């Protein structure tokens, strides 16, 4: 099963992947394509808590700077330090190696209802 069959996506191009008790959050392949070459990523500190829809990270490419929004409420349990040192990893592999943060969900399950399966997300883009 490919990773895109397991992820949920937001209309603002973040993805969410269940990982045991936690969730992995990153940017979709479409978002990365639109941004172009990534040159800088600013991630939050471990322990920071965010509500659904809040800005939790910033990403800069040769084209633009963008805010990244939390798809569900959660507490940061891990950040991908590798991409702060080598942001180009996002361009190479946004799902496996280029994830942004791992969170412990703090909100209600109902928050997941707004998210789209990858196939529906791709359809929405057309």
PDB file of N, CA and C in Angstrom:
ATOM      1  N   UNK A   1       0.857  -1.190   0.000  1.00  0.00           N
ATOM      2  CA  UNK A   1       0.000   0.000   0.000  1.00  0.00           C
ATOM      3  C   UNK A   1       0.896   1.244   0.000  1.00  0.00           C
ATOM      4  N   UNK A   2       0.611   2.155  -0.892  1.00  0.00           N
ATOM      5  CA  UNK A   2       1.436   3.370  -0.945  1.00  0.00           C
ATOM      6  C   UNK A   2       1.010   4.323   0.170  1.00  0.00           C
ATOM      7  N   UNK A   3       1.914   5.206   0.519  1.00  0.00           N
ATOM      8  CA  UNK A   3       1.636   6.144   1.618  1.00  0.00           C
ATOM      9  C   UNK A   3       0.438   7.037   1.301  1.00  0.00           C
ATOM     10  N   UNK A   4       0.243   7.364   0.015  1.00  0.00           N
ATOM     11  CA  UNK A   4      -0.871   8.253  -0.328  1.00  0.00           C
ATOM     12  C   UNK A   4      -2.231   7.582  -0.100  1.00  0.00           C
ATOM     13  N   UNK A   5      -2.254   6.265   0.032  1.00  0.00           N
ATOM     14  CA  UNK A   5      -3.517   5.583   0.327  1.00  0.00           C
ATOM     15  C   UNK A   5      -3.851   5.654   1.816  1.00  0.00           C
ATOM     16  N   UNK A   6      -2.880   6.051   2.639  1.00  0.00           N
ATOM     17  CA  UNK A   6      -3.076   6.073   4.088  1.00  0.00           C
ATOM     18  C   UNK A   6      -3.204   7.479   4.664  1.00  0.00           C
ATOM     19  N   UNK A   7      -2.857   8.498   3.890  1.00  0.00           N
ATOM     20  CA  UNK A   7      -2.859   9.855   4.445  1.00  0.00           C
ATOM     21  C   UNK A   7      -4.209  10.552   4.291  1.00  0.00           C
ATOM     22  N   UNK A   8      -4.411  11.556   5.133  1.00  0.00           N
ATOM     23  CA  UNK A   8      -5.541  12.471   5.003  1.00  0.00           C
ATOM     24  C   UNK A   8      -4.948  13.840   4.698  1.00  0.00           C
ATOM     25  N   UNK A   9      -5.660  14.633   3.905  1.00  0.00           N
ATOM     26  CA  UNK A   9      -5.129  15.931   3.473  1.00  0.00           C
ATOM     27  C   UNK A   9      -6.087  17.069   3.818  1.00  0.00           C
ATOM     28  N   UNK A  10      -5.511  18.266   3.950  1.00  0.00           N
ATOM     29  CA  UNK A  10      -6.313  19.466   4.166  1.00  0.00           C
ATOM     30  C   UNK A  10      -6.404  20.225   2.846  1.00  0.00           C
ATOM     31  N   UNK A  11      -7.349  21.141   2.773  1.00  0.00           N
ATOM     32  CA  UNK A  11      -7.470  21.970   1.575  1.00  0.00           C
ATOM     33  C   UNK A  11      -6.293  22.948   1.459  1.00  0.00           C
ATOM     34  N   UNK A  12      -5.557  23.153   2.576  1.00  0.00           N
ATOM     35  CA  UNK A  12      -4.383  24.022   2.541  1.00  0.00           C
ATOM     36  C   UNK A  12      -3.089  23.220   2.330  1.00  0.00           C
ATOM     37  N   UNK A  13      -3.238  21.953   1.922  1.00  0.00           N
ATOM     38  CA  UNK A  13      -2.147  21.097   1.423  1.00  0.00           C
ATOM     39  C   UNK A  13      -1.237  20.478   2.471  1.00  0.00           C
ATOM     40  N   UNK A  14      -1.700  20.349   3.726  1.00  0.00           N
ATOM     41  CA  UNK A  14      -0.966  19.577   4.706  1.00  0.00           C
ATOM     42  C   UNK A  14      -1.477  18.135   4.644  1.00  0.00           C
ATOM     43  N   UNK A  15      -0.630  17.194   5.050  1.00  0.00           N
ATOM     44  CA  UNK A  15      -1.110  15.821   5.172  1.00  0.00           C
ATOM     45  C   UNK A  15      -0.948  15.340   6.605  1.00  0.00           C
ATOM     46  N   UNK A  16      -1.733  14.329   6.933  1.00  0.00           N
ATOM     47  CA  UNK A  16      -1.760  13.737   8.259  1.00  0.00           C
ATOM     48  C   UNK A  16      -1.698  12.232   8.075  1.00  0.00           C
ATOM     49  N   UNK A  17      -0.802  11.582   8.814  1.00  0.00           N
ATOM     50  CA  UNK A  17      -0.651  10.127   8.724  1.00  0.00           C
ATOM     51  C   UNK A  17      -0.626   9.561  10.131  1.00  0.00           C
ATOM     52  N   UNK A  18      -1.519   8.612  10.400  1.00  0.00           N
ATOM     53  CA  UNK A  18      -1.543   7.993  11.720  1.00  0.00           C
ATOM     54  C   UNK A  18      -0.277   7.156  11.883  1.00  0.00           C
ATOM     55  N   UNK A  19       0.364   7.293  13.042  1.00  0.00           N
ATOM     56  CA  UNK A  19       1.618   6.602  13.316  1.00  0.00           C
ATOM     57  C   UNK A  19       1.547   6.079  14.748  1.00  0.00           C
ATOM     58  N   UNK A  20       0.925   4.924  14.908  1.00  0.00           N
ATOM     59  CA  UNK A  20       0.703   4.398  16.254  1.00  0.00           C
ATOM     60  C   UNK A  20      -0.230   5.322  17.012  1.00  0.00           C
ATOM     61  N   UNK A  21       0.220   5.797  18.180  1.00  0.00           N
ATOM     62  CA  UNK A  21      -0.612   6.685  19.000  1.00  0.00           C
ATOM     63  C   UNK A  21      -0.515   8.135  18.535  1.00  0.00           C
ATOM     64  N   UNK A  22       0.445   8.428  17.668  1.00  0.00           N
ATOM     65  CA  UNK A  22       0.671   9.802  17.215  1.00  0.00           C
ATOM     66  C   UNK A  22       0.311   9.985  15.746  1.00  0.00           C
ATOM     67  N   UNK A  23       0.477  11.221  15.274  1.00  0.00           N
ATOM     68  CA  UNK A  23       0.229  11.537  13.870  1.00  0.00           C
ATOM     69  C   UNK A  23       1.441  12.264  13.302  1.00  0.00           C
ATOM     70  N   UNK A  24       1.776  11.930  12.061  1.00  0.00           N
ATOM     71  CA  UNK A  24       2.839  12.614  11.327  1.00  0.00           C
ATOM     72  C   UNK A  24       2.175  13.678  10.470  1.00  0.00           C
ATOM     73  N   UNK A  25       2.758  14.880  10.453  1.00  0.00           N
ATOM     74  CA  UNK A  25       2.224  15.973   9.638  1.00  0.00           C
ATOM     75  C   UNK A  25       3.307  16.438   8.678  1.00  0.00           C
ATOM     76  N   UNK A  26       2.894  16.700   7.449  1.00  0.00           N
ATOM     77  CA  UNK A  26       3.825  17.205   6.447  1.00  0.00           C
ATOM     78  C   UNK A  26       3.068  17.961   5.374  1.00  0.00           C
ATOM     79  N   UNK A  27       3.739  18.243   4.290  1.00  0.00           N
ATOM     80  CA  UNK A  27       3.132  18.925   3.138  1.00  0.00           C
ATOM     81  C   UNK A  27       2.955  17.933   1.999  1.00  0.00           C
ATOM     82  N   UNK A  28       1.865  18.078   1.262  1.00  0.00           N
ATOM     83  CA  UNK A  28       1.598  17.163   0.153  1.00  0.00           C
ATOM     84  C   UNK A  28       2.558  17.415  -1.013  1.00  0.00           C
ATOM     85  N   UNK A  29       2.646  16.431  -1.880  1.00  0.00           N
ATOM     86  CA  UNK A  29       3.485  16.549  -3.075  1.00  0.00           C
ATOM     87  C   UNK A  29       3.053  17.744  -3.932  1.00  0.00           C
ATOM     88  N   UNK A  30       1.739  17.997  -3.983  1.00  0.00           N
ATOM     89  CA  UNK A  30       1.233  19.137  -4.757  1.00  0.00           C
ATOM     90  C   UNK A  30       1.776  20.453  -4.191  1.00  0.00           C
ATOM     91  N   UNK A  31       1.736  20.605  -2.865  1.00  0.00           N
ATOM     92  CA  UNK A  31       2.228  21.834  -2.224  1.00  0.00           C
ATOM     93  C   UNK A  31       3.707  22.036  -2.537  1.00  0.00           C
ATOM     94  N   UNK A  32       4.474  20.967  -2.457  1.00  0.00           N
ATOM     95  CA  UNK A  32       5.915  21.052  -2.711  1.00  0.00           C
ATOM     96  C   UNK A  32       6.171  21.454  -4.164  1.00  0.00           C
ATOM     97  N   UNK A  33       5.411  20.852  -5.092  1.00  0.00           N
ATOM     98  CA  UNK A  33       5.554  21.211  -6.520  1.00  0.00           C
ATOM     99  C   UNK A  33       5.266  22.695  -6.735  1.00  0.00           C
ATOM    100  N   UNK A  34       4.233  23.204  -6.082  1.00  0.00           N
ATOM    101  CA  UNK A  34       3.853  24.608  -6.238  1.00  0.00           C
ATOM    102  C   UNK A  34       4.906  25.551  -5.655  1.00  0.00           C
ATOM    103  N   UNK A  35       5.509  25.143  -4.561  1.00  0.00           N
ATOM    104  CA  UNK A  35       6.517  25.982  -3.909  1.00  0.00           C
ATOM    105  C   UNK A  35       7.831  26.025  -4.695  1.00  0.00           C
ATOM    106  N   UNK A  36       8.179  24.932  -5.328  1.00  0.00           N
ATOM    107  CA  UNK A  36       9.473  24.875  -6.015  1.00  0.00           C
ATOM    108  C   UNK A  36      10.566  24.498  -5.027  1.00  0.00           C
ATOM    109  N   UNK A  37      11.793  24.929  -5.286  1.00  0.00           N
ATOM    110  CA  UNK A  37      12.921  24.531  -4.445  1.00  0.00           C
ATOM    111  C   UNK A  37      12.818  25.151  -3.048  1.00  0.00           C
ATOM    112  N   UNK A  38      12.738  24.284  -2.044  1.00  0.00           N
ATOM    113  CA  UNK A  38      12.631  24.711  -0.648  1.00  0.00           C
ATOM    114  C   UNK A  38      14.022  25.118  -0.145  1.00  0.00           C
ATOM    115  N   UNK A  39      14.099  26.301   0.473  1.00  0.00           N
ATOM    116  CA  UNK A  39      15.393  26.793   0.962  1.00  0.00           C
ATOM    117  C   UNK A  39      15.452  26.962   2.485  1.00  0.00           C
ATOM    118  N   UNK A  40      14.289  26.990   3.154  1.00  0.00           N
ATOM    119  CA  UNK A  40      14.273  27.215   4.598  1.00  0.00           C
ATOM    120  C   UNK A  40      12.988  26.661   5.198  1.00  0.00           C
ATOM    121  N   UNK A  41      13.113  26.032   6.368  1.00  0.00           N
ATOM    122  CA  UNK A  41      11.949  25.530   7.098  1.00  0.00           C
ATOM    123  C   UNK A  41      12.118  25.917   8.566  1.00  0.00           C
ATOM    124  N   UNK A  42      11.077  26.509   9.136  1.00  0.00           N
ATOM    125  CA  UNK A  42      11.083  26.834  10.563  1.00  0.00           C
ATOM    126  C   UNK A  42      10.008  25.994  11.234  1.00  0.00           C
ATOM    127  N   UNK A  43      10.441  25.160  12.176  1.00  0.00           N
ATOM    128  CA  UNK A  43       9.523  24.246  12.859  1.00  0.00           C
ATOM    129  C   UNK A  43       9.382  24.649  14.322  1.00  0.00           C
ATOM    130  N   UNK A  44       8.274  24.235  14.962  1.00  0.00           N
ATOM    131  CA  UNK A  44       8.058  24.583  16.374  1.00  0.00           C
ATOM    132  C   UNK A  44       8.929  23.723  17.302  1.00  0.00           C
ATOM    133  N   UNK A  45       8.910  24.086  18.578  1.00  0.00           N
ATOM    134  CA  UNK A  45       9.632  23.325  19.608  1.00  0.00           C
ATOM    135  C   UNK A  45       8.802  22.116  20.031  1.00  0.00           C
ATOM    136  N   UNK A  46       9.473  21.049  20.429  1.00  0.00           N
ATOM    137  CA  UNK A  46       8.791  19.900  21.023  1.00  0.00           C
ATOM    138  C   UNK A  46       8.085  20.395  22.285  1.00  0.00           C
ATOM    139  N   UNK A  47       6.852  19.943  22.476  1.00  0.00           N
ATOM    140  CA  UNK A  47       6.074  20.359  23.648  1.00  0.00           C
ATOM    141  C   UNK A  47       5.086  21.471  23.348  1.00  0.00           C
ATOM    142  N   UNK A  48       5.298  22.192  22.229  1.00  0.00           N
ATOM    143  CA  UNK A  48       4.359  23.261  21.860  1.00  0.00           C
ATOM    144  C   UNK A  48       3.005  22.647  21.503  1.00  0.00           C
ATOM    145  N   UNK A  49       1.939  23.356  21.848  1.00  0.00           N
ATOM    146  CA  UNK A  49       0.591  22.870  21.533  1.00  0.00           C
ATOM    147  C   UNK A  49      -0.092  23.836  20.572  1.00  0.00           C
ATOM    148  N   UNK A  50      -0.821  23.265  19.626  1.00  0.00           N
ATOM    149  CA  UNK A  50      -1.510  24.060  18.613  1.00  0.00           C
ATOM    150  C   UNK A  50      -2.940  23.564  18.446  1.00  0.00           C
ATOM    151  N   UNK A  51      -3.826  24.512  18.154  1.00  0.00           N
ATOM    152  CA  UNK A  51      -5.203  24.160  17.820  1.00  0.00           C
ATOM    153  C   UNK A  51      -5.303  23.966  16.324  1.00  0.00           C
ATOM    154  N   UNK A  52      -6.297  23.209  15.919  1.00  0.00           N
ATOM    155  CA  UNK A  52      -6.547  22.996  14.498  1.00  0.00           C
ATOM    156  C   UNK A  52      -6.637  24.348  13.797  1.00  0.00           C
ATOM    157  N   UNK A  53      -5.935  24.483  12.661  1.00  0.00           N
ATOM    158  CA  UNK A  53      -5.988  25.702  11.868  1.00  0.00           C
ATOM    159  C   UNK A  53      -4.936  26.734  12.223  1.00  0.00           C
ATOM    160  N   UNK A  54      -4.255  26.562  13.353  1.00  0.00           N
ATOM    161  CA  UNK A  54      -3.207  27.507  13.748  1.00  0.00           C
ATOM    162  C   UNK A  54      -1.945  27.289  12.915  1.00  0.00           C
ATOM    163  N   UNK A  55      -1.203  28.374  12.678  1.00  0.00           N
ATOM    164  CA  UNK A  55       0.084  28.270  12.001  1.00  0.00           C
ATOM    165  C   UNK A  55       1.085  27.631  12.954  1.00  0.00           C
ATOM    166  N   UNK A  56       1.747  26.561  12.499  1.00  0.00           N
ATOM    167  CA  UNK A  56       2.733  25.924  13.374  1.00  0.00           C
ATOM    168  C   UNK A  56       4.137  25.925  12.771  1.00  0.00           C
ATOM    169  N   UNK A  57       4.258  26.263  11.489  1.00  0.00           N
ATOM    170  CA  UNK A  57       5.569  26.259  10.843  1.00  0.00           C
ATOM    171  C   UNK A  57       5.568  27.233   9.668  1.00  0.00           C
ATOM    172  N   UNK A  58       6.770  27.561   9.213  1.00  0.00           N
ATOM    173  CA  UNK A  58       6.939  28.428   8.053  1.00  0.00           C
ATOM    174  C   UNK A  58       7.905  27.746   7.101  1.00  0.00           C
ATOM    175  N   UNK A  59       7.621  27.903   5.826  1.00  0.00           N
ATOM    176  CA  UNK A  59       8.487  27.291   4.823  1.00  0.00           C
ATOM    177  C   UNK A  59       8.784  28.340   3.760  1.00  0.00           C
ATOM    178  N   UNK A  60      10.024  28.388   3.313  1.00  0.00           N
ATOM    179  CA  UNK A  60      10.396  29.338   2.270  1.00  0.00           C
ATOM    180  C   UNK A  60      10.995  28.581   1.095  1.00  0.00           C
ATOM    181  N   UNK A  61      10.588  29.012  -0.086  1.00  0.00           N
ATOM    182  CA  UNK A  61      11.147  28.451  -1.307  1.00  0.00           C
ATOM    183  C   UNK A  61      11.722  29.597  -2.132  1.00  0.00           C
ATOM    184  N   UNK A  62      12.279  29.254  -3.274  1.00  0.00           N
ATOM    185  CA  UNK A  62      12.800  30.308  -4.143  1.00  0.00           C
ATOM    186  C   UNK A  62      11.660  31.192  -4.653  1.00  0.00           C
ATOM    187  N   UNK A  63      10.424  30.678  -4.621  1.00  0.00           N
ATOM    188  CA  UNK A  63       9.262  31.430  -5.120  1.00  0.00           C
ATOM    189  C   UNK A  63       8.533  32.242  -4.057  1.00  0.00           C
ATOM    190  N   UNK A  64       8.391  31.661  -2.849  1.00  0.00           N
ATOM    191  CA  UNK A  64       7.522  32.299  -1.847  1.00  0.00           C
ATOM    192  C   UNK A  64       7.776  31.767  -0.448  1.00  0.00           C
ATOM    193  N   UNK A  65       7.236  32.487   0.527  1.00  0.00           N
ATOM    194  CA  UNK A  65       7.214  32.007   1.914  1.00  0.00           C
ATOM    195  C   UNK A  65       5.766  31.639   2.223  1.00  0.00           C
ATOM    196  N   UNK A  66       5.578  30.542   2.933  1.00  0.00           N
ATOM    197  CA  UNK A  66       4.229  30.081   3.243  1.00  0.00           C
ATOM    198  C   UNK A  66       4.129  29.655   4.697  1.00  0.00           C
ATOM    199  N   UNK A  67       2.933  29.862   5.243  1.00  0.00           N
ATOM    200  CA  UNK A  67       2.658  29.370   6.584  1.00  0.00           C
ATOM    201  C   UNK A  67       2.059  27.980   6.443  1.00  0.00           C
ATOM    202  N   UNK A  68       2.323  27.140   7.441  1.00  0.00           N
ATOM    203  CA  UNK A  68       1.792  25.783   7.430  1.00  0.00           C
ATOM    204  C   UNK A  68       0.860  25.659   8.629  1.00  0.00           C
ATOM    205  N   UNK A  69      -0.323  25.120   8.384  1.00  0.00           N
ATOM    206  CA  UNK A  69      -1.380  25.089   9.390  1.00  0.00           C
ATOM    207  C   UNK A  69      -1.565  23.694   9.976  1.00  0.00           C
ATOM    208  N   UNK A  70      -1.894  23.660  11.247  1.00  0.00           N
ATOM    209  CA  UNK A  70      -2.126  22.404  11.953  1.00  0.00           C
ATOM    210  C   UNK A  70      -3.453  21.792  11.479  1.00  0.00           C
ATOM    211  N   UNK A  71      -3.416  20.563  10.950  1.00  0.00           N
ATOM    212  CA  UNK A  71      -4.651  19.935  10.451  1.00  0.00           C
ATOM    213  C   UNK A  71      -5.604  19.486  11.560  1.00  0.00           C
ATOM    214  N   UNK A  72      -5.059  19.160  12.737  1.00  0.00           N
ATOM    215  CA  UNK A  72      -5.872  18.810  13.907  1.00  0.00           C
ATOM    216  C   UNK A  72      -5.154  19.372  15.135  1.00  0.00           C
ATOM    217  N   UNK A  73      -5.868  19.526  16.226  1.00  0.00           N
ATOM    218  CA  UNK A  73      -5.245  20.023  17.452  1.00  0.00           C
ATOM    219  C   UNK A  73      -4.275  18.979  17.992  1.00  0.00           C
ATOM    220  N   UNK A  74      -3.121  19.460  18.456  1.00  0.00           N
ATOM    221  CA  UNK A  74      -2.160  18.506  18.987  1.00  0.00           C
ATOM    222  C   UNK A  74      -0.968  19.149  19.655  1.00  0.00           C
ATOM    223  N   UNK A  75      -0.187  18.290  20.296  1.00  0.00           N
ATOM    224  CA  UNK A  75       1.034  18.687  20.994  1.00  0.00           C
ATOM    225  C   UNK A  75       2.215  18.077  20.236  1.00  0.00           C
ATOM    226  N   UNK A  76       3.216  18.907  19.950  1.00  0.00           N
ATOM    227  CA  UNK A  76       4.389  18.448  19.207  1.00  0.00           C
ATOM    228  C   UNK A  76       5.186  17.473  20.074  1.00  0.00           C
ATOM    229  N   UNK A  77       5.413  16.254  19.562  1.00  0.00           N
ATOM    230  CA  UNK A  77       6.210  15.274  20.300  1.00  0.00           C
ATOM    231  C   UNK A  77       7.565  15.040  19.624  1.00  0.00           C
ATOM    232  N   UNK A  78       7.676  15.423  18.341  1.00  0.00           N
ATOM    233  CA  UNK A  78       8.945  15.278  17.628  1.00  0.00           C
ATOM    234  C   UNK A  78       8.958  16.213  16.427  1.00  0.00           C
ATOM    235  N   UNK A  79      10.115  16.783  16.128  1.00  0.00           N
ATOM    236  CA  UNK A  79      10.265  17.593  14.915  1.00  0.00           C
ATOM    237  C   UNK A  79      11.348  16.943  14.054  1.00  0.00           C
ATOM    238  N   UNK A  80      11.220  17.100  12.764  1.00  0.00           N
ATOM    239  CA  UNK A  80      12.183  16.519  11.828  1.00  0.00           C
ATOM    240  C   UNK A  80      13.363  17.485  11.684  1.00  0.00           C
ATOM    241  N   UNK A  81      14.333  17.343  12.568  1.00  0.00           N
ATOM    242  CA  UNK A  81      15.509  18.223  12.584  1.00  0.00           C
ATOM    243  C   UNK A  81      16.275  18.158  11.264  1.00  0.00           C
ATOM    244  N   UNK A  82      16.214  17.006  10.621  1.00  0.00           N
ATOM    245  CA  UNK A  82      16.957  16.802   9.374  1.00  0.00           C
ATOM    246  C   UNK A  82      16.582  17.831   8.308  1.00  0.00           C
ATOM    247  N   UNK A  83      15.284  18.183   8.238  1.00  0.00           N
ATOM    248  CA  UNK A  83      14.879  19.119   7.183  1.00  0.00           C
ATOM    249  C   UNK A  83      15.213  20.568   7.509  1.00  0.00           C
ATOM    250  N   UNK A  84      15.457  20.882   8.792  1.00  0.00           N
ATOM    251  CA  UNK A  84      15.877  22.255   9.088  1.00  0.00           C
ATOM    252  C   UNK A  84      17.313  22.466   8.594  1.00  0.00           C
ATOM    253  N   UNK A  85      18.102  21.402   8.619  1.00  0.00           N
ATOM    254  CA  UNK A  85      19.482  21.465   8.114  1.00  0.00           C
ATOM    255  C   UNK A  85      19.549  21.282   6.605  1.00  0.00           C
ATOM    256  N   UNK A  86      18.644  20.482   6.065  1.00  0.00           N
ATOM    257  CA  UNK A  86      18.646  20.172   4.624  1.00  0.00           C
ATOM    258  C   UNK A  86      17.219  20.238   4.078  1.00  0.00           C
ATOM    259  N   UNK A  87      16.674  21.470   3.923  1.00  0.00           N
ATOM    260  CA  UNK A  87      15.271  21.616   3.503  1.00  0.00           C
ATOM    261  C   UNK A  87      14.965  21.003   2.134  1.00  0.00           C
ATOM    262  N   UNK A  88      15.993  20.798   1.313  1.00  0.00           N
ATOM    263  CA  UNK A  88      15.774  20.202  -0.016  1.00  0.00           C
ATOM    264  C   UNK A  88      15.233  18.770   0.065  1.00  0.00           C
ATOM    265  N   UNK A  89      15.332  18.147   1.250  1.00  0.00           N
ATOM    266  CA  UNK A  89      14.751  16.808   1.442  1.00  0.00           C
ATOM    267  C   UNK A  89      13.268  16.837   1.097  1.00  0.00           C
ATOM    268  N   UNK A  90      12.602  17.951   1.406  1.00  0.00           N
ATOM    269  CA  UNK A  90      11.177  18.079   1.089  1.00  0.00           C
ATOM    270  C   UNK A  90      10.920  17.909  -0.405  1.00  0.00           C
ATOM    271  N   UNK A  91      11.801  18.458  -1.240  1.00  0.00           N
ATOM    272  CA  UNK A  91      11.633  18.337  -2.685  1.00  0.00           C
ATOM    273  C   UNK A  91      11.883  16.905  -3.159  1.00  0.00           C
ATOM    274  N   UNK A  92      12.743  16.195  -2.446  1.00  0.00           N
ATOM    275  CA  UNK A  92      13.097  14.837  -2.851  1.00  0.00           C
ATOM    276  C   UNK A  92      12.079  13.801  -2.399  1.00  0.00           C
ATOM    277  N   UNK A  93      11.553  13.953  -1.172  1.00  0.00           N
ATOM    278  CA  UNK A  93      10.672  12.937  -0.597  1.00  0.00           C
ATOM    279  C   UNK A  93       9.827  13.552   0.509  1.00  0.00           C
ATOM    280  N   UNK A  94       8.715  14.165   0.131  1.00  0.00           N
ATOM    281  CA  UNK A  94       7.906  14.894   1.118  1.00  0.00           C
ATOM    282  C   UNK A  94       7.144  13.985   2.080  1.00  0.00           C
ATOM    283  N   UNK A  95       6.977  12.707   1.739  1.00  0.00           N
ATOM    284  CA  UNK A  95       6.188  11.823   2.599  1.00  0.00           C
ATOM    285  C   UNK A  95       7.045  11.006   3.572  1.00  0.00           C
ATOM    286  N   UNK A  96       8.037  10.297   3.078  1.00  0.00           N
ATOM    287  CA  UNK A  96       8.818   9.408   3.938  1.00  0.00           C
ATOM    288  C   UNK A  96       9.861  10.156   4.764  1.00  0.00           C
ATOM    289  N   UNK A  97      10.713  10.952   4.106  1.00  0.00           N
ATOM    290  CA  UNK A  97      11.815  11.626   4.803  1.00  0.00           C
ATOM    291  C   UNK A  97      11.507  13.083   5.116  1.00  0.00           C
ATOM    292  N   UNK A  98      10.592  13.686   4.377  1.00  0.00           N
ATOM    293  CA  UNK A  98      10.349  15.123   4.504  1.00  0.00           C
ATOM    294  C   UNK A  98       9.173  15.514   5.360  1.00  0.00           C
ATOM    295  N   UNK A  99       8.766  14.634   6.264  1.00  0.00           N
ATOM    296  CA  UNK A  99       7.694  15.007   7.203  1.00  0.00           C
ATOM    297  C   UNK A  99       8.173  16.168   8.063  1.00  0.00           C
ATOM    298  N   UNK A 100       7.245  16.891   8.648  1.00  0.00           N
ATOM    299  CA  UNK A 100       7.596  18.079   9.427  1.00  0.00           C
ATOM    300  C   UNK A 100       7.622  17.810  10.934  1.00  0.00           C
ATOM    301  N   UNK A 101       6.491  17.364  11.475  1.00  0.00           N
ATOM    302  CA  UNK A 101       6.384  17.124  12.912  1.00  0.00           C
ATOM    303  C   UNK A 101       5.547  15.882  13.179  1.00  0.00           C
ATOM    304  N   UNK A 102       5.716  15.367  14.401  1.00  0.00           N
ATOM    305  CA  UNK A 102       4.830  14.314  14.895  1.00  0.00           C
ATOM    306  C   UNK A 102       4.100  14.922  16.080  1.00  0.00           C
ATOM    307  N   UNK A 103       2.801  14.660  16.161  1.00  0.00           N
ATOM    308  CA  UNK A 103       1.997  15.224  17.246  1.00  0.00           C
ATOM    309  C   UNK A 103       1.203  14.154  17.976  1.00  0.00           C
ATOM    310  N   UNK A 104       0.868  14.493  19.199  1.00  0.00           N
ATOM    311  CA  UNK A 104      -0.080  13.727  19.983  1.00  0.00           C
ATOM    312  C   UNK A 104      -1.387  14.499  19.850  1.00  0.00           C
ATOM    313  N   UNK A 105      -2.411  13.832  19.357  1.00  0.00           N
ATOM    314  CA  UNK A 105      -3.699  14.507  19.132  1.00  0.00           C
ATOM    315  C   UNK A 105      -4.309  14.915  20.461  1.00  0.00           C
ATOM    316  N   UNK A 106      -4.742  16.187  20.550  1.00  0.00           N
ATOM    317  CA  UNK A 106      -5.377  16.667  21.776  1.00  0.00           C
ATOM    318  C   UNK A 106      -6.841  17.051  21.541  1.00  0.00           C
ATOM    319  N   UNK A 107      -7.254  17.120  20.284  1.00  0.00           N
ATOM    320  CA  UNK A 107      -8.626  17.515  19.968  1.00  0.00           C
ATOM    321  C   UNK A 107      -9.543  16.313  19.823  1.00  0.00           C
ATOM    322  N   UNK A 108     -10.788  16.595  19.511  1.00  0.00           N
ATOM    323  CA  UNK A 108     -11.794  15.547  19.336  1.00  0.00           C
ATOM    324  C   UNK A 108     -11.614  14.848  17.988  1.00  0.00           C
ATOM    325  N   UNK A 109     -12.074  13.612  17.910  1.00  0.00           N
ATOM    326  CA  UNK A 109     -12.008  12.858  16.656  1.00  0.00           C
ATOM    327  C   UNK A 109     -12.756  13.568  15.535  1.00  0.00           C
ATOM    328  N   UNK A 110     -13.739  14.380  15.906  1.00  0.00           N
ATOM    329  CA  UNK A 110     -14.538  15.101  14.903  1.00  0.00           C
ATOM    330  C   UNK A 110     -13.664  15.999  14.021  1.00  0.00           C
ATOM    331  N   UNK A 111     -12.500  16.436  14.531  1.00  0.00           N
ATOM    332  CA  UNK A 111     -11.607  17.284  13.737  1.00  0.00           C
ATOM    333  C   UNK A 111     -11.125  16.564  12.478  1.00  0.00           C
ATOM    334  N   UNK A 112     -11.077  15.252  12.534  1.00  0.00           N
ATOM    335  CA  UNK A 112     -10.622  14.463  11.382  1.00  0.00           C
ATOM    336  C   UNK A 112     -11.653  14.473  10.246  1.00  0.00           C
ATOM    337  N   UNK A 113     -12.897  14.785  10.564  1.00  0.00           N
ATOM    338  CA  UNK A 113     -13.972  14.740   9.573  1.00  0.00           C
ATOM    339  C   UNK A 113     -13.773  15.726   8.414  1.00  0.00           C
ATOM    340  N   UNK A 114     -13.068  16.842   8.673  1.00  0.00           N
ATOM    341  CA  UNK A 114     -12.845  17.848   7.629  1.00  0.00           C
ATOM    342  C   UNK A 114     -11.760  17.443   6.635  1.00  0.00           C
ATOM    343  N   UNK A 115     -10.984  16.426   6.972  1.00  0.00           N
ATOM    344  CA  UNK A 115      -9.846  16.052   6.135  1.00  0.00           C
ATOM    345  C   UNK A 115     -10.280  15.155   4.978  1.00  0.00           C
ATOM    346  N   UNK A 116      -9.535  15.231   3.907  1.00  0.00           N
ATOM    347  CA  UNK A 116      -9.867  14.480   2.696  1.00  0.00           C
ATOM    348  C   UNK A 116      -8.918  13.314   2.488  1.00  0.00           C
ATOM    349  N   UNK A 117      -9.449  12.215   1.961  1.00  0.00           N
ATOM    350  CA  UNK A 117      -8.554  11.141   1.536  1.00  0.00           C
ATOM    351  C   UNK A 117      -7.775  11.674   0.339  1.00  0.00           C
ATOM    352  N   UNK A 118      -6.582  11.144   0.121  1.00  0.00           N
ATOM    353  CA  UNK A 118      -5.691  11.663  -0.918  1.00  0.00           C
ATOM    354  C   UNK A 118      -6.365  11.711  -2.298  1.00  0.00           C
ATOM    355  N   UNK A 119      -7.097  10.670  -2.665  1.00  0.00           N
ATOM    356  CA  UNK A 119      -7.754  10.630  -3.985  1.00  0.00           C
ATOM    357  C   UNK A 119      -8.747  11.786  -4.126  1.00  0.00           C
ATOM    358  N   UNK A 120      -9.503  12.070  -3.058  1.00  0.00           N
ATOM    359  CA  UNK A 120     -10.468  13.174  -3.082  1.00  0.00           C
ATOM    360  C   UNK A 120      -9.747  14.522  -3.111  1.00  0.00           C
ATOM    361  N   UNK A 121      -8.652  14.607  -2.393  1.00  0.00           N
ATOM    362  CA  UNK A 121      -7.824  15.829  -2.382  1.00  0.00           C
ATOM    363  C   UNK A 121      -7.320  16.121  -3.788  1.00  0.00           C
ATOM    364  N   UNK A 122      -6.786  15.098  -4.455  1.00  0.00           N
ATOM    365  CA  UNK A 122      -6.267  15.276  -5.818  1.00  0.00           C
ATOM    366  C   UNK A 122      -7.398  15.697  -6.773  1.00  0.00           C
ATOM    367  N   UNK A 123      -8.562  15.111  -6.575  1.00  0.00           N
ATOM    368  CA  UNK A 123      -9.729  15.428  -7.407  1.00  0.00           C
ATOM    369  C   UNK A 123     -10.130  16.891  -7.213  1.00  0.00           C
ATOM    370  N   UNK A 124     -10.077  17.361  -5.975  1.00  0.00           N
ATOM    371  CA  UNK A 124     -10.390  18.757  -5.651  1.00  0.00           C
ATOM    372  C   UNK A 124      -9.446  19.734  -6.355  1.00  0.00           C
ATOM    373  N   UNK A 125      -8.221  19.305  -6.618  1.00  0.00           N
ATOM    374  CA  UNK A 125      -7.224  20.190  -7.239  1.00  0.00           C
ATOM    375  C   UNK A 125      -7.501  20.409  -8.723  1.00  0.00           C
ATOM    376  N   UNK A 126      -8.209  19.459  -9.319  1.00  0.00           N
ATOM    377  CA  UNK A 126      -8.438  19.541 -10.774  1.00  0.00           C
ATOM    378  C   UNK A 126      -9.488  20.569 -11.133  1.00  0.00           C
TER     379      UNK A 126
END
